[in-house]
């Protein structure tokens, strides 16, 4: 059995429960750097960390619900290509559009 993992709401990757607290601030800093370098029409507002209400009286969260909300948040940041409709992160969309040809 694999140890429980938490999905980053910014990049969609999975991390251990202790590692996610280290990863998220670094990922957010990287996100800001990449977003600031994009053309103005591709810049996005800062993603908000999804909130999942605790279940049970002890205050624990449902890990599956938390991961699902984080995954959806990461997927909502993708931008569709105007030519083929595939979705990419904005900085990757620029690279993709150089070689994308209409069908």
N, C-alpha and C. Protein backbone atom coordinates (compact mmCIF):
# COMPACT_ATOMS: atom_id res chain seq x y z
N UNK A 1 0.84 -1.19 0.00
CA UNK A 1 0.00 0.00 0.00
C UNK A 1 0.88 1.24 0.00
N UNK A 2 0.53 2.20 -0.83
CA UNK A 2 1.29 3.43 -0.92
C UNK A 2 0.88 4.39 0.19
N UNK A 3 1.82 5.20 0.68
CA UNK A 3 1.44 6.20 1.69
C UNK A 3 0.52 7.23 1.06
N UNK A 4 -0.37 7.84 1.88
CA UNK A 4 -1.29 8.83 1.33
C UNK A 4 -0.53 10.03 0.75
N UNK A 5 -1.01 10.50 -0.39
CA UNK A 5 -0.40 11.65 -1.05
C UNK A 5 -1.43 12.76 -1.19
N UNK A 6 -0.92 13.98 -1.24
CA UNK A 6 -1.76 15.17 -1.38
C UNK A 6 -1.43 15.82 -2.71
N UNK A 7 -2.44 16.22 -3.47
CA UNK A 7 -2.25 16.85 -4.77
C UNK A 7 -2.06 18.35 -4.61
N UNK A 8 -1.05 18.89 -5.29
CA UNK A 8 -0.79 20.33 -5.28
C UNK A 8 -1.85 21.02 -6.14
N UNK A 9 -2.48 22.06 -5.61
CA UNK A 9 -3.54 22.76 -6.33
C UNK A 9 -2.98 23.63 -7.45
N UNK A 10 -1.67 23.83 -7.50
CA UNK A 10 -1.06 24.66 -8.53
C UNK A 10 -0.59 23.83 -9.73
N UNK A 11 0.15 22.75 -9.46
CA UNK A 11 0.74 21.98 -10.55
C UNK A 11 0.08 20.63 -10.77
N UNK A 12 -0.72 20.14 -9.82
CA UNK A 12 -1.41 18.87 -9.98
C UNK A 12 -0.58 17.65 -9.64
N UNK A 13 0.65 17.84 -9.16
CA UNK A 13 1.49 16.70 -8.79
C UNK A 13 1.17 16.27 -7.37
N UNK A 14 1.51 15.02 -7.07
CA UNK A 14 1.23 14.48 -5.74
C UNK A 14 2.48 14.53 -4.87
N UNK A 15 2.28 14.87 -3.60
CA UNK A 15 3.36 14.96 -2.62
C UNK A 15 2.89 14.34 -1.32
N UNK A 16 3.85 13.97 -0.48
CA UNK A 16 3.53 13.45 0.84
C UNK A 16 2.88 14.53 1.70
N UNK A 17 2.21 14.12 2.75
CA UNK A 17 1.48 15.08 3.58
C UNK A 17 2.40 16.11 4.24
N UNK A 18 3.63 15.73 4.54
CA UNK A 18 4.56 16.69 5.13
C UNK A 18 5.26 17.52 4.06
N UNK A 19 5.52 16.92 2.90
CA UNK A 19 6.22 17.60 1.82
C UNK A 19 5.37 18.68 1.16
N UNK A 20 4.06 18.52 1.15
CA UNK A 20 3.19 19.47 0.46
C UNK A 20 3.31 20.87 1.07
N UNK A 21 3.54 20.94 2.38
CA UNK A 21 3.68 22.24 3.04
C UNK A 21 4.96 22.94 2.62
N UNK A 22 5.96 22.19 2.21
CA UNK A 22 7.21 22.78 1.70
C UNK A 22 7.05 23.12 0.22
N UNK A 23 6.38 22.23 -0.51
CA UNK A 23 6.25 22.39 -1.97
C UNK A 23 5.38 23.58 -2.36
N UNK A 24 4.21 23.74 -1.74
CA UNK A 24 3.25 24.76 -2.20
C UNK A 24 3.80 26.18 -2.23
N UNK A 25 4.51 26.67 -1.19
CA UNK A 25 5.06 28.03 -1.31
C UNK A 25 6.08 28.16 -2.45
N UNK A 26 6.89 27.11 -2.66
CA UNK A 26 7.87 27.15 -3.75
C UNK A 26 7.16 27.10 -5.11
N UNK A 27 6.12 26.30 -5.20
CA UNK A 27 5.37 26.18 -6.44
C UNK A 27 4.66 27.51 -6.76
N UNK A 28 4.12 28.16 -5.74
CA UNK A 28 3.45 29.44 -5.94
C UNK A 28 4.44 30.51 -6.41
N UNK A 29 5.64 30.51 -5.83
CA UNK A 29 6.67 31.46 -6.26
C UNK A 29 7.05 31.21 -7.72
N UNK A 30 7.20 29.95 -8.09
CA UNK A 30 7.50 29.60 -9.48
C UNK A 30 6.35 30.01 -10.40
N UNK A 31 5.12 29.79 -9.94
CA UNK A 31 3.94 30.15 -10.72
C UNK A 31 3.93 31.65 -11.01
N UNK A 32 4.23 32.48 -9.98
CA UNK A 32 4.26 33.93 -10.17
C UNK A 32 5.33 34.33 -11.17
N UNK A 33 6.51 33.71 -11.07
CA UNK A 33 7.60 34.02 -12.01
C UNK A 33 7.21 33.72 -13.45
N UNK A 34 6.60 32.55 -13.65
CA UNK A 34 6.19 32.17 -15.01
C UNK A 34 5.04 33.04 -15.51
N UNK A 35 4.10 33.35 -14.63
CA UNK A 35 2.94 34.15 -15.03
C UNK A 35 3.35 35.57 -15.40
N UNK A 36 4.32 36.13 -14.68
CA UNK A 36 4.77 37.49 -14.97
C UNK A 36 5.50 37.59 -16.31
N UNK A 37 6.05 36.48 -16.79
CA UNK A 37 6.78 36.50 -18.05
C UNK A 37 5.87 36.27 -19.26
N UNK A 38 4.61 35.92 -19.04
CA UNK A 38 3.68 35.66 -20.13
C UNK A 38 3.20 36.97 -20.77
N UNK A 39 2.77 36.92 -22.04
CA UNK A 39 2.13 38.10 -22.63
C UNK A 39 0.86 38.43 -21.83
N UNK A 40 0.48 39.68 -21.84
CA UNK A 40 -0.64 40.13 -21.01
C UNK A 40 -1.93 39.35 -21.27
N UNK A 41 -2.20 38.95 -22.51
CA UNK A 41 -3.45 38.24 -22.80
C UNK A 41 -3.48 36.82 -22.26
N UNK A 42 -2.33 36.27 -21.87
CA UNK A 42 -2.29 34.91 -21.32
C UNK A 42 -2.11 34.87 -19.80
N UNK A 43 -1.91 36.03 -19.19
CA UNK A 43 -1.73 36.05 -17.73
C UNK A 43 -3.02 35.67 -17.03
N UNK A 44 -2.87 34.97 -15.91
CA UNK A 44 -4.02 34.46 -15.18
C UNK A 44 -4.04 35.03 -13.76
N UNK A 45 -5.20 35.10 -13.15
CA UNK A 45 -5.24 35.50 -11.74
C UNK A 45 -4.66 34.37 -10.89
N UNK A 46 -4.14 34.73 -9.73
CA UNK A 46 -3.54 33.73 -8.84
C UNK A 46 -4.59 32.71 -8.42
N UNK A 47 -4.28 31.42 -8.57
CA UNK A 47 -5.24 30.39 -8.16
C UNK A 47 -5.40 30.39 -6.63
N UNK A 48 -6.58 30.16 -6.19
CA UNK A 48 -6.87 30.09 -4.76
C UNK A 48 -6.84 28.63 -4.32
N UNK A 49 -6.30 28.41 -3.15
CA UNK A 49 -6.25 27.06 -2.61
C UNK A 49 -7.67 26.61 -2.28
N UNK A 50 -8.08 25.44 -2.80
CA UNK A 50 -9.45 24.98 -2.52
C UNK A 50 -9.63 24.65 -1.04
N UNK A 51 -10.79 24.99 -0.54
CA UNK A 51 -11.10 24.71 0.86
C UNK A 51 -12.04 23.53 0.92
N UNK A 52 -11.67 22.56 1.74
CA UNK A 52 -12.51 21.39 1.96
C UNK A 52 -12.86 21.39 3.44
N UNK A 53 -14.15 21.38 3.71
CA UNK A 53 -14.57 21.43 5.10
C UNK A 53 -14.23 20.13 5.81
N UNK A 54 -13.81 20.22 7.06
CA UNK A 54 -13.44 19.02 7.80
C UNK A 54 -14.66 18.15 8.08
N UNK A 55 -14.39 16.85 8.08
CA UNK A 55 -15.44 15.91 8.46
C UNK A 55 -15.07 15.34 9.82
N UNK A 56 -15.98 14.81 10.50
CA UNK A 56 -15.78 14.24 11.83
C UNK A 56 -15.55 15.35 12.86
N UNK A 57 -15.74 15.03 14.08
CA UNK A 57 -15.59 16.01 15.15
C UNK A 57 -14.13 16.32 15.43
N UNK A 58 -13.22 15.45 15.02
CA UNK A 58 -11.80 15.65 15.31
C UNK A 58 -11.15 16.68 14.38
N UNK A 59 -11.83 17.10 13.33
CA UNK A 59 -11.30 18.12 12.43
C UNK A 59 -10.48 17.58 11.28
N UNK A 60 -10.51 16.28 11.03
CA UNK A 60 -9.78 15.72 9.91
C UNK A 60 -10.51 16.01 8.60
N UNK A 61 -9.73 16.15 7.52
CA UNK A 61 -10.31 16.37 6.19
C UNK A 61 -10.39 15.05 5.45
N UNK A 62 -11.30 14.96 4.53
CA UNK A 62 -11.38 13.81 3.65
C UNK A 62 -10.31 14.00 2.57
N UNK A 63 -9.28 13.16 2.58
CA UNK A 63 -8.14 13.30 1.67
C UNK A 63 -8.57 13.19 0.22
N UNK A 64 -9.51 12.30 -0.08
CA UNK A 64 -9.97 12.16 -1.46
C UNK A 64 -10.65 13.42 -1.96
N UNK A 65 -11.46 14.05 -1.12
CA UNK A 65 -12.14 15.29 -1.50
C UNK A 65 -11.13 16.42 -1.69
N UNK A 66 -10.14 16.48 -0.82
CA UNK A 66 -9.10 17.50 -0.92
C UNK A 66 -8.32 17.33 -2.21
N UNK A 67 -7.93 16.09 -2.53
CA UNK A 67 -7.18 15.83 -3.75
C UNK A 67 -8.01 16.13 -5.00
N UNK A 68 -9.28 15.79 -4.97
CA UNK A 68 -10.16 16.07 -6.11
C UNK A 68 -10.29 17.57 -6.36
N UNK A 69 -10.46 18.35 -5.29
CA UNK A 69 -10.57 19.80 -5.42
C UNK A 69 -9.26 20.40 -5.92
N UNK A 70 -8.12 19.89 -5.44
CA UNK A 70 -6.82 20.40 -5.88
C UNK A 70 -6.58 20.06 -7.35
N UNK A 71 -6.97 18.85 -7.77
CA UNK A 71 -6.81 18.44 -9.17
C UNK A 71 -7.65 19.32 -10.09
N UNK A 72 -8.88 19.59 -9.71
CA UNK A 72 -9.75 20.44 -10.51
C UNK A 72 -9.17 21.85 -10.61
N UNK A 73 -8.62 22.36 -9.51
CA UNK A 73 -7.99 23.68 -9.51
C UNK A 73 -6.81 23.72 -10.49
N UNK A 74 -5.98 22.67 -10.47
CA UNK A 74 -4.84 22.62 -11.37
C UNK A 74 -5.29 22.53 -12.83
N UNK A 75 -6.35 21.76 -13.11
CA UNK A 75 -6.84 21.61 -14.47
C UNK A 75 -7.50 22.89 -14.99
N UNK A 76 -8.09 23.68 -14.09
CA UNK A 76 -8.74 24.93 -14.50
C UNK A 76 -7.74 25.98 -14.98
N UNK A 77 -6.47 25.79 -14.69
CA UNK A 77 -5.45 26.74 -15.11
C UNK A 77 -5.01 26.52 -16.55
N UNK A 78 -5.41 25.39 -17.15
CA UNK A 78 -5.00 25.08 -18.51
C UNK A 78 -5.78 25.94 -19.52
N UNK A 79 -5.09 26.29 -20.61
CA UNK A 79 -5.67 27.15 -21.64
C UNK A 79 -5.78 26.35 -22.93
N UNK A 80 -6.94 26.39 -23.63
CA UNK A 80 -7.07 25.63 -24.88
C UNK A 80 -6.36 26.31 -26.05
N UNK A 81 -5.83 25.49 -26.94
CA UNK A 81 -5.23 25.99 -28.18
C UNK A 81 -6.36 26.42 -29.11
N UNK A 82 -6.22 27.58 -29.74
CA UNK A 82 -7.24 28.07 -30.66
C UNK A 82 -7.34 27.21 -31.92
N UNK A 83 -6.29 26.48 -32.24
CA UNK A 83 -6.27 25.70 -33.47
C UNK A 83 -6.80 24.28 -33.27
N UNK A 84 -6.24 23.56 -32.29
CA UNK A 84 -6.61 22.15 -32.13
C UNK A 84 -7.49 21.87 -30.91
N UNK A 85 -7.57 22.80 -29.98
CA UNK A 85 -8.42 22.63 -28.81
C UNK A 85 -7.76 21.92 -27.64
N UNK A 86 -6.55 21.38 -27.79
CA UNK A 86 -5.87 20.75 -26.66
C UNK A 86 -5.55 21.81 -25.62
N UNK A 87 -5.44 21.39 -24.36
CA UNK A 87 -5.18 22.35 -23.28
C UNK A 87 -3.74 22.26 -22.80
N UNK A 88 -3.20 23.42 -22.46
CA UNK A 88 -1.81 23.54 -22.03
C UNK A 88 -1.72 24.60 -20.94
N UNK A 89 -0.61 24.56 -20.19
CA UNK A 89 -0.28 25.69 -19.35
C UNK A 89 0.07 26.85 -20.27
N UNK A 90 -0.22 28.09 -19.89
CA UNK A 90 -0.02 29.21 -20.81
C UNK A 90 1.39 29.32 -21.40
N UNK A 91 2.42 29.05 -20.61
CA UNK A 91 3.78 29.15 -21.15
C UNK A 91 4.06 28.05 -22.17
N UNK A 92 3.44 26.90 -22.03
CA UNK A 92 3.59 25.79 -22.99
C UNK A 92 2.73 25.99 -24.22
N UNK A 93 1.64 26.74 -24.09
CA UNK A 93 0.76 27.01 -25.22
C UNK A 93 1.50 27.79 -26.30
N UNK A 94 2.33 28.73 -25.89
CA UNK A 94 3.10 29.54 -26.85
C UNK A 94 4.00 28.62 -27.67
N UNK A 95 4.67 27.68 -27.02
CA UNK A 95 5.56 26.75 -27.72
C UNK A 95 4.75 25.84 -28.64
N UNK A 96 3.62 25.34 -28.14
CA UNK A 96 2.78 24.44 -28.94
C UNK A 96 2.26 25.12 -30.19
N UNK A 97 1.82 26.37 -30.09
CA UNK A 97 1.20 27.04 -31.23
C UNK A 97 2.18 27.29 -32.36
N UNK A 98 3.47 27.25 -32.08
CA UNK A 98 4.46 27.42 -33.15
C UNK A 98 4.44 26.23 -34.12
N UNK A 99 4.07 25.05 -33.61
CA UNK A 99 4.09 23.87 -34.46
C UNK A 99 2.69 23.29 -34.75
N UNK A 100 1.65 23.87 -34.17
CA UNK A 100 0.30 23.35 -34.36
C UNK A 100 -0.23 23.77 -35.72
N UNK A 101 -0.77 22.79 -36.44
CA UNK A 101 -1.32 23.08 -37.76
C UNK A 101 -2.80 22.73 -37.77
N UNK A 102 -3.61 23.52 -38.46
CA UNK A 102 -5.04 23.20 -38.53
C UNK A 102 -5.28 21.89 -39.28
N UNK A 103 -6.28 21.16 -38.86
CA UNK A 103 -6.59 19.88 -39.50
C UNK A 103 -7.45 20.09 -40.73
